[in-house]
Amino acid sequence: MTRKKLTTLTLEEVLKMKDRTRDDAPEGPSLPKDFWRNAKVVYPDHSKKA
C-alpha cells in the first residue's frame, strides 16, 4: 500500500478548486429519471467500537 499526502483545506480553498476529475476517467452510466424517487439514506451500524 502506498502512502498519500493528506492536506487540510479551508472551505474557501475548496470552493476555489476547479474540477479535479482525471482526463482519462470514464463517464459513469446514465441514471434513469426515477433513480432518486425511492432513494433512502442508510446510516452505518453504530454497534462497532473503536
N, C-alpha and C. Protein backbone atom coordinates (compact mmCIF):
# COMPACT_ATOMS: atom_id res chain seq x y z
N MET A 1 0.85 -1.18 0.00
CA MET A 1 0.00 0.00 0.00
C MET A 1 0.89 1.24 0.00
N THR A 2 0.55 2.20 -0.82
CA THR A 2 1.33 3.42 -0.88
C THR A 2 0.70 4.47 0.02
N ARG A 3 1.55 5.30 0.58
CA ARG A 3 1.05 6.39 1.42
C ARG A 3 0.78 7.61 0.56
N LYS A 4 -0.29 8.29 0.86
CA LYS A 4 -0.64 9.51 0.15
C LYS A 4 -0.54 10.68 1.11
N LYS A 5 -0.16 11.81 0.59
CA LYS A 5 -0.05 13.01 1.40
C LYS A 5 -1.46 13.55 1.69
N LEU A 6 -1.78 13.76 2.95
CA LEU A 6 -3.06 14.32 3.34
C LEU A 6 -2.88 15.81 3.59
N THR A 7 -3.85 16.59 3.16
CA THR A 7 -3.78 18.03 3.30
C THR A 7 -5.10 18.53 3.89
N THR A 8 -5.02 19.48 4.78
CA THR A 8 -6.21 20.12 5.33
C THR A 8 -6.49 21.38 4.54
N LEU A 9 -7.73 21.56 4.12
CA LEU A 9 -8.12 22.73 3.33
C LEU A 9 -9.25 23.47 4.03
N THR A 10 -9.29 24.77 3.81
CA THR A 10 -10.41 25.56 4.31
C THR A 10 -11.54 25.48 3.28
N LEU A 11 -12.72 25.87 3.68
CA LEU A 11 -13.86 25.88 2.77
C LEU A 11 -13.59 26.80 1.58
N GLU A 12 -12.96 27.93 1.83
CA GLU A 12 -12.66 28.87 0.75
C GLU A 12 -11.72 28.24 -0.27
N GLU A 13 -10.72 27.49 0.21
CA GLU A 13 -9.77 26.82 -0.69
C GLU A 13 -10.48 25.76 -1.54
N VAL A 14 -11.39 25.04 -0.93
CA VAL A 14 -12.13 24.01 -1.67
C VAL A 14 -13.01 24.65 -2.73
N LEU A 15 -13.66 25.75 -2.38
CA LEU A 15 -14.54 26.41 -3.34
C LEU A 15 -13.77 27.00 -4.52
N LYS A 16 -12.50 27.34 -4.33
CA LYS A 16 -11.68 27.88 -5.41
C LYS A 16 -11.17 26.80 -6.36
N MET A 17 -11.20 25.53 -5.92
CA MET A 17 -10.67 24.45 -6.75
C MET A 17 -11.49 24.27 -8.01
N LYS A 18 -10.83 23.93 -9.08
CA LYS A 18 -11.52 23.60 -10.31
C LYS A 18 -11.78 22.11 -10.33
N ASP A 19 -12.47 21.64 -11.34
CA ASP A 19 -12.79 20.23 -11.47
C ASP A 19 -11.51 19.40 -11.38
N ARG A 20 -11.51 18.39 -10.53
CA ARG A 20 -10.31 17.59 -10.33
C ARG A 20 -10.47 16.18 -10.89
N THR A 21 -11.39 16.00 -11.82
CA THR A 21 -11.58 14.70 -12.44
C THR A 21 -10.45 14.43 -13.40
N ARG A 22 -9.94 13.21 -13.38
CA ARG A 22 -8.86 12.84 -14.30
C ARG A 22 -9.35 12.93 -15.73
N ASP A 23 -8.47 13.31 -16.63
CA ASP A 23 -8.83 13.43 -18.04
C ASP A 23 -9.21 12.08 -18.64
N ASP A 24 -8.61 11.00 -18.14
CA ASP A 24 -8.89 9.68 -18.70
C ASP A 24 -9.97 8.91 -17.94
N ALA A 25 -10.68 9.59 -17.02
CA ALA A 25 -11.74 8.92 -16.26
C ALA A 25 -12.94 8.63 -17.18
N PRO A 26 -13.48 7.42 -17.11
CA PRO A 26 -14.62 7.09 -17.98
C PRO A 26 -15.90 7.77 -17.47
N GLU A 27 -16.82 8.01 -18.37
CA GLU A 27 -18.12 8.56 -18.00
C GLU A 27 -18.89 7.50 -17.23
N GLY A 28 -19.61 7.92 -16.23
CA GLY A 28 -20.45 6.99 -15.48
C GLY A 28 -21.71 6.67 -16.28
N PRO A 29 -22.41 5.62 -15.88
CA PRO A 29 -23.63 5.26 -16.60
C PRO A 29 -24.72 6.31 -16.37
N SER A 30 -25.59 6.45 -17.33
CA SER A 30 -26.73 7.37 -17.19
C SER A 30 -27.73 6.74 -16.22
N LEU A 31 -28.27 7.57 -15.33
CA LEU A 31 -29.25 7.08 -14.37
C LEU A 31 -30.65 7.31 -14.92
N PRO A 32 -31.57 6.38 -14.64
CA PRO A 32 -32.94 6.59 -15.08
C PRO A 32 -33.56 7.79 -14.35
N LYS A 33 -34.57 8.40 -14.94
CA LYS A 33 -35.18 9.60 -14.36
C LYS A 33 -35.75 9.35 -12.97
N ASP A 34 -36.22 8.15 -12.68
CA ASP A 34 -36.81 7.86 -11.37
C ASP A 34 -35.81 7.27 -10.37
N PHE A 35 -34.52 7.40 -10.64
CA PHE A 35 -33.49 6.81 -9.78
C PHE A 35 -33.60 7.29 -8.34
N TRP A 36 -33.79 8.59 -8.13
CA TRP A 36 -33.81 9.13 -6.77
C TRP A 36 -35.18 9.06 -6.10
N ARG A 37 -36.19 8.63 -6.82
CA ARG A 37 -37.54 8.60 -6.26
C ARG A 37 -37.62 7.70 -5.02
N ASN A 38 -36.99 6.55 -5.07
CA ASN A 38 -37.06 5.61 -3.94
C ASN A 38 -35.75 5.53 -3.15
N ALA A 39 -34.90 6.53 -3.31
CA ALA A 39 -33.62 6.51 -2.61
C ALA A 39 -33.84 6.66 -1.10
N LYS A 40 -33.00 5.98 -0.32
CA LYS A 40 -33.08 6.05 1.14
C LYS A 40 -31.71 6.36 1.69
N VAL A 41 -31.68 7.11 2.78
CA VAL A 41 -30.42 7.37 3.47
C VAL A 41 -30.14 6.15 4.34
N VAL A 42 -28.94 5.60 4.22
CA VAL A 42 -28.56 4.43 5.01
C VAL A 42 -27.39 4.83 5.90
N TYR A 43 -27.61 4.76 7.20
CA TYR A 43 -26.57 5.11 8.17
C TYR A 43 -25.81 3.86 8.57
N PRO A 44 -24.53 4.01 8.92
CA PRO A 44 -23.76 2.84 9.35
C PRO A 44 -24.27 2.30 10.68
N ASP A 45 -24.01 1.03 10.90
CA ASP A 45 -24.39 0.39 12.14
C ASP A 45 -23.55 0.97 13.28
N HIS A 46 -24.19 1.39 14.35
CA HIS A 46 -23.46 2.02 15.46
C HIS A 46 -22.95 1.01 16.48
N SER A 47 -23.04 -0.27 16.18
CA SER A 47 -22.59 -1.27 17.14
C SER A 47 -21.09 -1.48 17.11
N LYS A 48 -20.40 -0.90 16.14
CA LYS A 48 -18.96 -1.05 16.05
C LYS A 48 -18.28 -0.19 17.11
N LYS A 49 -17.19 -0.70 17.65
CA LYS A 49 -16.44 0.04 18.65
C LYS A 49 -15.04 0.30 18.15
N ALA A 50 -14.48 1.42 18.54
CA ALA A 50 -13.13 1.78 18.13
C ALA A 50 -12.11 0.86 18.77
